[in-house]
Structures are given as C-alpha cells and as structure tokens.
Amino acid sequence: MKNVQTIIEMTKIHVLTNKSEIKKEKLEDKLVIVLDILIATSSIVTALANGCKYIVPVRNYDEALEFQSKNSSVIFKYSGELNADTLPGFIQPTPLALLKSGMEDTQMVYCTTNGTVALNDCKNAKKTYVGSLLNANAIVEYIQGNYQNENIIIVCSGSNDQFNIEDFYGAGYFVEKLLNSFPEAELSDSAKAAQIFHSSGSSIEHLNQSRVGKLLNDRNWHDEVLFASQKDLYTVVPHLTNLGTIELIR
C-alpha cells in the first residue's frame, strides 16, 4: 500500500515589512491586517471608536479633491497629510486632533502618504482589517471566533516604501496575540522576527526611537505618539467593505 501523506491544515502568519511588498493578485484567499501605527491606522481606529460612521480611504490629495467635487451635496470631514504635512484645509490626521474636531455621527475622507495607500492596495484580500496597537486584541479575538486555518498577512505600511520600526513592532504584537489564539500556527521568518522585536522593549520606547516618531515629537505632537502607543484601548474591529469604505464589524 502506498503511503498517503496527510496534509495538515493550519493557520499561517506572515509579515510584509512595507507596502511595496504587497502583491495584489496573491491576496484573494488571505486575511490581511494593515498597520500604520504612526499614524493612519491608529487615527482610523480612534475615529471609528468615537462615533465616526465610516471612512473613505483615498490614496492622495488629488483623489480627495476629486471625491469632494463629486460628493459636494454630502457633508464629509476631510483629513490627511503628505509627508507628515497636513493638507491645506484638512484636519490634522492624528488621533487626538480628530477627537478634538468631533467624530460623533460624521463621515470622513482620509488620505495619508502610506497607510491609505496600503489599504487601497489590499482591496483584493478575502478580508482586510485596519489594525493598530489600540485594537490588536479585538481583531485577533474576532479572527479566532470566525476563522480557522487561514493565511494571515500583517502588512506594515512602512514609510515611503521603506521599513519602519513602529509598524514592525505592531506586527510583532499581532503575531504574539495570534499565537495565543492559534498556538499551532506556522510563522514565516518575518513573523518570527517581528515577534522577537516586539519583546525587545516597550511600545512608547520603540515609537519614540522611530524616524516618524522623532518627526512627530519634533513637531510637539508628543501626545499623539503616546496615544498611539497604547495597547488595546478600543474593542472595535474596522474592515474594508466591498464599497471601499472602512466601517466597524463590531
């Protein structure tokens, strides 16, 4: 009798270290978690957790203005940046600035240099979640309760297609949480590296040491960096819908 090799299905976890590594055609059967810890996904999570009804993530200022011209009859808030400079007439795209502007019962168009580009590049995924340190546990709990034996890709948006510390740290936190839920999961080398890096220090330490963290601190946005460094402040699970908006599953 021939030996029949049994294929054991299991959860697989992989980390992309920046958005340039995204291969859209390979995402259709994957669960994707997009991270831009400083600061797009942290801001999106905060806005939705505080009453924003939905968010339209666009790639850049031109797309935001085009959306505005086509939807002039609907009241949207507009928030965004290019290379950390707030766009003209837009709300500063950071968590505390958005809270200050008021998020209850609003809808927002949001664009950033890295995070919203990565989110748009992941539209082909089986499901795309918006992750941050602020809601890591909520997303992992949701995945555990609704999926088994999936391929999970954690996408670090990075900074201008380069590696950055804060997203890799956040990816490590997600890997740790996912392993608690799926202890037999298979990790790629990048997922293992992220997990090891996460264990090397505190969130605020790593965020402050990052290039973007230093840039934000130089602009006296210390409170924004500190806010984004908090773990599991919110229990919300934002996802990309088929319409391309970001809304809460719960």
C-alpha atoms as a PDB file:
ATOM      1  CA  MET A   1       0.000   0.000   0.000  1.00  0.00           C
ATOM      2  CA  LYS A   2       1.314   3.383  -0.915  1.00  0.00           C
ATOM      3  CA  ASN A   3       1.901   5.819   1.877  1.00  0.00           C
ATOM      4  CA  VAL A   4      -0.561   8.658   1.754  1.00  0.00           C
ATOM      5  CA  GLN A   5       0.845  11.904   3.069  1.00  0.00           C
ATOM      6  CA  THR A   6      -1.668  13.767   5.192  1.00  0.00           C
ATOM      7  CA  ILE A   7      -1.736  17.500   4.663  1.00  0.00           C
ATOM      8  CA  ILE A   8      -2.380  19.183   7.974  1.00  0.00           C
ATOM      9  CA  GLU A   9      -4.170  22.464   7.629  1.00  0.00           C
ATOM     10  CA  MET A  10      -3.103  25.187   9.996  1.00  0.00           C
ATOM     11  CA  THR A  11      -3.075  28.939  10.407  1.00  0.00           C
ATOM     12  CA  LYS A  12      -0.126  30.597   8.681  1.00  0.00           C
ATOM     13  CA  ILE A  13       1.125  34.056   9.637  1.00  0.00           C
ATOM     14  CA  HIS A  14       3.370  36.254   7.508  1.00  0.00           C
ATOM     15  CA  VAL A  15       4.542  39.871   7.838  1.00  0.00           C
ATOM     16  CA  LEU A  16       5.209  42.245   4.953  1.00  0.00           C
ATOM     17  CA  THR A  17       7.702  44.865   6.094  1.00  0.00           C
ATOM     18  CA  ASN A  18       6.409  47.687   3.847  1.00  0.00           C
ATOM     19  CA  LYS A  19       3.651  48.320   1.325  1.00  0.00           C
ATOM     20  CA  SER A  20       5.901  47.834  -1.709  1.00  0.00           C
ATOM     21  CA  GLU A  21       5.884  44.080  -0.905  1.00  0.00           C
ATOM     22  CA  ILE A  22       2.119  43.819  -1.463  1.00  0.00           C
ATOM     23  CA  LYS A  23       1.214  41.515  -4.363  1.00  0.00           C
ATOM     24  CA  LYS A  24      -2.438  42.268  -5.056  1.00  0.00           C
ATOM     25  CA  GLU A  25      -3.009  39.107  -7.087  1.00  0.00           C
ATOM     26  CA  LYS A  26      -1.937  36.913  -4.157  1.00  0.00           C
ATOM     27  CA  LEU A  27      -4.338  38.340  -1.580  1.00  0.00           C
ATOM     28  CA  GLU A  28      -7.664  36.881  -2.703  1.00  0.00           C
ATOM     29  CA  ASP A  29      -7.565  33.964  -0.245  1.00  0.00           C
ATOM     30  CA  LYS A  30      -5.793  35.831   2.570  1.00  0.00           C
ATOM     31  CA  LEU A  31      -6.877  37.652   5.698  1.00  0.00           C
ATOM     32  CA  VAL A  32      -4.967  40.931   5.821  1.00  0.00           C
ATOM     33  CA  ILE A  33      -4.293  43.266   8.734  1.00  0.00           C
ATOM     34  CA  VAL A  34      -2.924  46.648   7.657  1.00  0.00           C
ATOM     35  CA  LEU A  35      -0.809  48.647  10.106  1.00  0.00           C
ATOM     36  CA  ASP A  36       0.318  52.267  10.006  1.00  0.00           C
ATOM     37  CA  ILE A  37       0.943  52.811  13.695  1.00  0.00           C
ATOM     38  CA  LEU A  38       2.188  56.399  13.168  1.00  0.00           C
ATOM     39  CA  ILE A  39      -0.320  57.245  12.316  1.00  0.00           C
ATOM     40  CA  ALA A  40      -3.038  56.465   9.789  1.00  0.00           C
ATOM     41  CA  THR A  41      -4.490  53.224  11.136  1.00  0.00           C
ATOM     42  CA  SER A  42      -4.287  54.458  14.731  1.00  0.00           C
ATOM     43  CA  SER A  43      -6.285  57.516  13.647  1.00  0.00           C
ATOM     44  CA  ILE A  44      -8.851  55.481  11.706  1.00  0.00           C
ATOM     45  CA  VAL A  45      -9.413  53.155  14.655  1.00  0.00           C
ATOM     46  CA  THR A  46      -9.793  56.120  17.013  1.00  0.00           C
ATOM     47  CA  ALA A  47     -12.258  57.940  14.748  1.00  0.00           C
ATOM     48  CA  LEU A  48     -14.495  54.908  14.306  1.00  0.00           C
ATOM     49  CA  ALA A  49     -14.327  54.023  18.001  1.00  0.00           C
ATOM     50  CA  ASN A  50     -15.569  57.506  18.812  1.00  0.00           C
ATOM     51  CA  GLY A  51     -18.634  57.742  16.625  1.00  0.00           C
ATOM     52  CA  CYS A  52     -17.465  58.236  13.041  1.00  0.00           C
ATOM     53  CA  LYS A  53     -19.897  56.274  10.859  1.00  0.00           C
ATOM     54  CA  TYR A  54     -17.499  55.374   8.080  1.00  0.00           C
ATOM     55  CA  ILE A  55     -14.265  56.478   6.445  1.00  0.00           C
ATOM     56  CA  VAL A  56     -13.369  56.702   2.759  1.00  0.00           C
ATOM     57  CA  PRO A  57      -9.618  55.996   2.428  1.00  0.00           C
ATOM     58  CA  VAL A  58      -8.148  57.652  -0.652  1.00  0.00           C
ATOM     59  CA  ARG A  59      -4.606  57.485  -1.922  1.00  0.00           C
ATOM     60  CA  ASN A  60      -3.729  61.163  -2.106  1.00  0.00           C
ATOM     61  CA  TYR A  61      -4.839  64.794  -2.096  1.00  0.00           C
ATOM     62  CA  ASP A  62      -5.944  64.720  -5.733  1.00  0.00           C
ATOM     63  CA  GLU A  63      -8.252  61.771  -5.106  1.00  0.00           C
ATOM     64  CA  ALA A  64      -9.650  63.522  -2.042  1.00  0.00           C
ATOM     65  CA  LEU A  65     -10.404  66.666  -4.050  1.00  0.00           C
ATOM     66  CA  GLU A  66     -11.966  64.595  -6.832  1.00  0.00           C
ATOM     67  CA  PHE A  67     -14.173  62.850  -4.286  1.00  0.00           C
ATOM     68  CA  GLN A  68     -15.119  66.217  -2.820  1.00  0.00           C
ATOM     69  CA  SER A  69     -16.160  67.598  -6.203  1.00  0.00           C
ATOM     70  CA  LYS A  70     -18.333  64.546  -6.927  1.00  0.00           C
ATOM     71  CA  ASN A  71     -19.974  64.491  -3.477  1.00  0.00           C
ATOM     72  CA  SER A  72     -20.493  68.178  -2.742  1.00  0.00           C
ATOM     73  CA  SER A  73     -24.075  67.573  -1.611  1.00  0.00           C
ATOM     74  CA  VAL A  74     -22.952  65.334   1.271  1.00  0.00           C
ATOM     75  CA  ILE A  75     -21.177  66.659   4.356  1.00  0.00           C
ATOM     76  CA  PHE A  76     -17.839  64.927   4.884  1.00  0.00           C
ATOM     77  CA  LYS A  77     -14.918  65.785   7.101  1.00  0.00           C
ATOM     78  CA  TYR A  78     -11.590  65.765   5.280  1.00  0.00           C
ATOM     79  CA  SER A  79      -8.356  64.785   6.968  1.00  0.00           C
ATOM     80  CA  GLY A  80      -4.965  63.976   5.516  1.00  0.00           C
ATOM     81  CA  GLU A  81      -1.271  64.583   5.117  1.00  0.00           C
ATOM     82  CA  LEU A  82       1.588  64.310   2.669  1.00  0.00           C
ATOM     83  CA  ASN A  83       4.980  63.508   4.155  1.00  0.00           C
ATOM     84  CA  ALA A  84       3.617  64.441   7.616  1.00  0.00           C
ATOM     85  CA  ASP A  85       2.426  67.894   6.479  1.00  0.00           C
ATOM     86  CA  THR A  86      -1.320  68.402   6.967  1.00  0.00           C
ATOM     87  CA  LEU A  87      -3.053  69.048   3.650  1.00  0.00           C
ATOM     88  CA  PRO A  88      -4.473  72.557   3.046  1.00  0.00           C
ATOM     89  CA  GLY A  89      -7.917  72.933   4.580  1.00  0.00           C
ATOM     90  CA  PHE A  90      -7.862  69.419   6.020  1.00  0.00           C
ATOM     91  CA  ILE A  91      -7.960  68.283   9.653  1.00  0.00           C
ATOM     92  CA  GLN A  92      -4.635  67.140  11.079  1.00  0.00           C
ATOM     93  CA  PRO A  93      -4.804  63.351  10.539  1.00  0.00           C
ATOM     94  CA  THR A  94      -3.819  62.246  14.038  1.00  0.00           C
ATOM     95  CA  PRO A  95      -5.958  60.586  16.720  1.00  0.00           C
ATOM     96  CA  LEU A  96      -6.220  63.422  19.223  1.00  0.00           C
ATOM     97  CA  ALA A  97      -6.710  66.071  16.536  1.00  0.00           C
ATOM     98  CA  LEU A  98      -9.587  64.061  15.082  1.00  0.00           C
ATOM     99  CA  LEU A  99     -11.144  63.662  18.518  1.00  0.00           C
ATOM    100  CA  LYS A 100     -10.846  67.398  19.073  1.00  0.00           C
ATOM    101  CA  SER A 101     -12.635  68.076  15.780  1.00  0.00           C
ATOM    102  CA  GLY A 102     -15.548  65.840  16.830  1.00  0.00           C
ATOM    103  CA  MET A 103     -16.200  62.406  15.347  1.00  0.00           C
ATOM    104  CA  GLU A 104     -19.722  61.574  16.535  1.00  0.00           C
ATOM    105  CA  ASP A 105     -22.103  60.839  13.607  1.00  0.00           C
ATOM    106  CA  THR A 106     -19.619  62.039  10.980  1.00  0.00           C
ATOM    107  CA  GLN A 107     -18.294  60.539   7.783  1.00  0.00           C
ATOM    108  CA  MET A 108     -14.741  61.244   6.746  1.00  0.00           C
ATOM    109  CA  VAL A 109     -12.481  61.191   3.719  1.00  0.00           C
ATOM    110  CA  TYR A 110      -8.952  60.356   4.814  1.00  0.00           C
ATOM    111  CA  CYS A 111      -5.643  60.256   2.948  1.00  0.00           C
ATOM    112  CA  THR A 112      -2.070  59.701   4.067  1.00  0.00           C
ATOM    113  CA  THR A 113       1.298  59.074   2.474  1.00  0.00           C
ATOM    114  CA  ASN A 114       1.464  55.394   3.414  1.00  0.00           C
ATOM    115  CA  GLY A 115      -1.464  53.938   5.350  1.00  0.00           C
ATOM    116  CA  THR A 116      -4.339  54.685   2.990  1.00  0.00           C
ATOM    117  CA  VAL A 117      -2.218  53.629   0.015  1.00  0.00           C
ATOM    118  CA  ALA A 118      -1.571  50.258   1.669  1.00  0.00           C
ATOM    119  CA  LEU A 119      -5.266  49.871   2.475  1.00  0.00           C
ATOM    120  CA  ASN A 120      -6.257  50.522  -1.132  1.00  0.00           C
ATOM    121  CA  ASP A 121      -3.626  48.054  -2.333  1.00  0.00           C
ATOM    122  CA  CYS A 122      -5.222  45.345  -0.140  1.00  0.00           C
ATOM    123  CA  LYS A 123      -8.773  45.630  -1.504  1.00  0.00           C
ATOM    124  CA  ASN A 124      -8.440  42.252  -3.240  1.00  0.00           C
ATOM    125  CA  ALA A 125      -7.960  40.359   0.005  1.00  0.00           C
ATOM    126  CA  LYS A 126     -10.505  37.896   1.336  1.00  0.00           C
ATOM    127  CA  LYS A 127     -10.926  40.358   4.207  1.00  0.00           C
ATOM    128  CA  THR A 128      -8.892  43.428   5.161  1.00  0.00           C
ATOM    129  CA  TYR A 129      -8.816  44.742   8.721  1.00  0.00           C
ATOM    130  CA  VAL A 130      -7.483  48.065   9.995  1.00  0.00           C
ATOM    131  CA  GLY A 131      -5.115  47.346  12.847  1.00  0.00           C
ATOM    132  CA  SER A 132      -3.161  49.283  15.434  1.00  0.00           C
ATOM    133  CA  LEU A 133      -1.799  48.774  18.906  1.00  0.00           C
ATOM    134  CA  LEU A 134      -5.061  50.347  20.066  1.00  0.00           C
ATOM    135  CA  ASN A 135      -7.251  47.457  18.886  1.00  0.00           C
ATOM    136  CA  ALA A 136      -4.998  44.438  18.322  1.00  0.00           C
ATOM    137  CA  ASN A 137      -6.755  42.188  20.812  1.00  0.00           C
ATOM    138  CA  ALA A 138     -10.195  42.953  19.351  1.00  0.00           C
ATOM    139  CA  ILE A 139      -9.131  41.998  15.816  1.00  0.00           C
ATOM    140  CA  VAL A 140      -7.433  38.797  16.926  1.00  0.00           C
ATOM    141  CA  GLU A 141     -10.443  37.777  19.021  1.00  0.00           C
ATOM    142  CA  TYR A 142     -12.701  38.372  16.019  1.00  0.00           C
ATOM    143  CA  ILE A 143     -10.490  36.286  13.720  1.00  0.00           C
ATOM    144  CA  GLN A 144     -10.318  33.488  16.286  1.00  0.00           C
ATOM    145  CA  GLY A 145     -14.100  33.440  16.608  1.00  0.00           C
ATOM    146  CA  ASN A 146     -14.786  33.418  12.867  1.00  0.00           C
ATOM    147  CA  TYR A 147     -11.913  31.659  11.086  1.00  0.00           C
ATOM    148  CA  GLN A 148      -9.708  28.602  11.275  1.00  0.00           C
ATOM    149  CA  ASN A 149      -6.672  27.531   9.248  1.00  0.00           C
ATOM    150  CA  GLU A 150      -6.351  30.784   7.342  1.00  0.00           C
ATOM    151  CA  ASN A 151      -3.372  32.507   5.775  1.00  0.00           C
ATOM    152  CA  ILE A 152      -2.973  35.777   7.670  1.00  0.00           C
ATOM    153  CA  ILE A 153      -0.794  38.559   6.318  1.00  0.00           C
ATOM    154  CA  ILE A 154       0.140  41.507   8.520  1.00  0.00           C
ATOM    155  CA  VAL A 155       1.036  44.448   6.277  1.00  0.00           C
ATOM    156  CA  CYS A 156       3.378  47.105   7.645  1.00  0.00           C
ATOM    157  CA  SER A 157       2.666  50.222   5.592  1.00  0.00           C
ATOM    158  CA  GLY A 158       6.202  51.460   6.202  1.00  0.00           C
ATOM    159  CA  SER A 159       7.404  54.894   5.243  1.00  0.00           C
ATOM    160  CA  ASN A 160       7.770  55.745   1.541  1.00  0.00           C
ATOM    161  CA  ASP A 161       8.247  52.045   0.738  1.00  0.00           C
ATOM    162  CA  GLN A 162      10.903  51.681   3.433  1.00  0.00           C
ATOM    163  CA  PHE A 163      10.952  49.630   6.615  1.00  0.00           C
ATOM    164  CA  ASN A 164       9.967  51.399   9.801  1.00  0.00           C
ATOM    165  CA  ILE A 165      10.259  50.430  13.444  1.00  0.00           C
ATOM    166  CA  GLU A 166       6.772  51.249  14.690  1.00  0.00           C
ATOM    167  CA  ASP A 167       4.860  49.105  12.202  1.00  0.00           C
ATOM    168  CA  PHE A 168       7.224  46.155  12.693  1.00  0.00           C
ATOM    169  CA  TYR A 169       6.772  46.475  16.452  1.00  0.00           C
ATOM    170  CA  GLY A 170       2.995  46.497  15.964  1.00  0.00           C
ATOM    171  CA  ALA A 171       3.238  43.449  13.699  1.00  0.00           C
ATOM    172  CA  GLY A 172       5.116  41.638  16.455  1.00  0.00           C
ATOM    173  CA  TYR A 173       2.328  42.406  18.893  1.00  0.00           C
ATOM    174  CA  PHE A 174      -0.230  40.955  16.475  1.00  0.00           C
ATOM    175  CA  VAL A 175       1.911  37.852  15.951  1.00  0.00           C
ATOM    176  CA  GLU A 176       2.084  37.336  19.717  1.00  0.00           C
ATOM    177  CA  LYS A 177      -1.689  37.745  20.067  1.00  0.00           C
ATOM    178  CA  LEU A 178      -2.384  35.433  17.125  1.00  0.00           C
ATOM    179  CA  LEU A 179      -0.129  32.742  18.556  1.00  0.00           C
ATOM    180  CA  ASN A 180      -2.075  32.872  21.800  1.00  0.00           C
ATOM    181  CA  SER A 181      -5.220  32.159  19.779  1.00  0.00           C
ATOM    182  CA  PHE A 182      -3.654  29.730  17.281  1.00  0.00           C
ATOM    183  CA  PRO A 183      -0.740  28.070  19.155  1.00  0.00           C
ATOM    184  CA  GLU A 184      -0.017  25.646  16.293  1.00  0.00           C
ATOM    185  CA  ALA A 185       0.258  28.443  13.728  1.00  0.00           C
ATOM    186  CA  GLU A 186       3.117  28.385  11.252  1.00  0.00           C
ATOM    187  CA  LEU A 187       5.195  31.580  11.256  1.00  0.00           C
ATOM    188  CA  SER A 188       7.258  32.932   8.397  1.00  0.00           C
ATOM    189  CA  ASP A 189      10.728  34.226   9.204  1.00  0.00           C
ATOM    190  CA  SER A 190       9.498  37.814   9.065  1.00  0.00           C
ATOM    191  CA  ALA A 191       6.695  36.980  11.504  1.00  0.00           C
ATOM    192  CA  LYS A 192       9.187  35.356  13.875  1.00  0.00           C
ATOM    193  CA  ALA A 193      11.478  38.375  13.603  1.00  0.00           C
ATOM    194  CA  ALA A 194       8.621  40.756  14.364  1.00  0.00           C
ATOM    195  CA  GLN A 195       7.667  38.705  17.419  1.00  0.00           C
ATOM    196  CA  ILE A 196      11.241  38.810  18.710  1.00  0.00           C
ATOM    197  CA  PHE A 197      11.466  42.550  18.063  1.00  0.00           C
ATOM    198  CA  HIS A 198       8.231  43.194  19.949  1.00  0.00           C
ATOM    199  CA  SER A 199       9.688  41.515  23.025  1.00  0.00           C
ATOM    200  CA  SER A 200      12.722  43.819  22.994  1.00  0.00           C
ATOM    201  CA  GLY A 201      11.122  46.890  24.568  1.00  0.00           C
ATOM    202  CA  SER A 202       8.011  48.906  25.331  1.00  0.00           C
ATOM    203  CA  SER A 203       5.739  50.435  22.729  1.00  0.00           C
ATOM    204  CA  ILE A 204       6.463  54.049  23.647  1.00  0.00           C
ATOM    205  CA  GLU A 205      10.201  53.344  23.682  1.00  0.00           C
ATOM    206  CA  HIS A 206      10.150  51.983  20.141  1.00  0.00           C
ATOM    207  CA  LEU A 207       7.739  54.592  18.792  1.00  0.00           C
ATOM    208  CA  ASN A 208       9.863  57.402  20.207  1.00  0.00           C
ATOM    209  CA  GLN A 209      13.006  55.883  18.658  1.00  0.00           C
ATOM    210  CA  SER A 210      11.459  55.538  15.203  1.00  0.00           C
ATOM    211  CA  ARG A 211      12.130  58.083  12.475  1.00  0.00           C
ATOM    212  CA  VAL A 212       8.457  59.031  12.207  1.00  0.00           C
ATOM    213  CA  GLY A 213       8.128  59.151  15.982  1.00  0.00           C
ATOM    214  CA  LYS A 214      11.022  61.599  16.194  1.00  0.00           C
ATOM    215  CA  LEU A 215       9.476  63.659  13.394  1.00  0.00           C
ATOM    216  CA  LEU A 216       6.156  63.890  15.228  1.00  0.00           C
ATOM    217  CA  ASN A 217       7.866  64.679  18.523  1.00  0.00           C
ATOM    218  CA  ASP A 218       9.853  67.444  16.814  1.00  0.00           C
ATOM    219  CA  ARG A 219       6.501  68.976  15.856  1.00  0.00           C
ATOM    220  CA  ASN A 220       5.414  68.866  19.500  1.00  0.00           C
ATOM    221  CA  TRP A 221       2.998  66.036  18.819  1.00  0.00           C
ATOM    222  CA  HIS A 222       4.291  64.031  21.790  1.00  0.00           C
ATOM    223  CA  ASP A 223       0.749  63.337  22.982  1.00  0.00           C
ATOM    224  CA  GLU A 224      -0.165  61.828  19.620  1.00  0.00           C
ATOM    225  CA  VAL A 225       2.760  59.397  19.757  1.00  0.00           C
ATOM    226  CA  LEU A 226       1.938  58.492  23.357  1.00  0.00           C
ATOM    227  CA  PHE A 227      -1.713  57.942  22.441  1.00  0.00           C
ATOM    228  CA  ALA A 228      -0.841  55.638  19.527  1.00  0.00           C
ATOM    229  CA  SER A 229       1.458  53.590  21.785  1.00  0.00           C
ATOM    230  CA  GLN A 230      -1.431  52.386  23.977  1.00  0.00           C
ATOM    231  CA  LYS A 231      -2.344  48.729  23.672  1.00  0.00           C
ATOM    232  CA  ASP A 232      -5.935  47.511  23.419  1.00  0.00           C
ATOM    233  CA  LEU A 233      -7.625  50.768  24.350  1.00  0.00           C
ATOM    234  CA  TYR A 234     -10.509  50.004  21.961  1.00  0.00           C
ATOM    235  CA  THR A 235     -12.572  46.896  21.225  1.00  0.00           C
ATOM    236  CA  VAL A 236     -13.516  47.869  17.665  1.00  0.00           C
ATOM    237  CA  VAL A 237     -12.863  45.851  14.510  1.00  0.00           C
ATOM    238  CA  PRO A 238     -12.713  48.092  11.408  1.00  0.00           C
ATOM    239  CA  HIS A 239     -12.682  46.464   7.977  1.00  0.00           C
ATOM    240  CA  LEU A 240     -12.703  47.435   4.330  1.00  0.00           C
ATOM    241  CA  THR A 241     -16.139  46.895   2.800  1.00  0.00           C
ATOM    242  CA  ASN A 242     -16.907  45.909  -0.772  1.00  0.00           C
ATOM    243  CA  LEU A 243     -17.716  49.565  -1.408  1.00  0.00           C
ATOM    244  CA  GLY A 244     -14.198  50.592  -0.418  1.00  0.00           C
ATOM    245  CA  THR A 245     -15.246  52.284   2.813  1.00  0.00           C
ATOM    246  CA  ILE A 246     -13.924  51.464   6.261  1.00  0.00           C
ATOM    247  CA  GLU A 247     -16.631  50.533   8.737  1.00  0.00           C
ATOM    248  CA  LEU A 248     -16.932  48.637  12.002  1.00  0.00           C
ATOM    249  CA  ILE A 249     -17.815  44.963  12.104  1.00  0.00           C
ATOM    250  CA  ARG A 250     -18.316  45.483  15.807  1.00  0.00           C
END
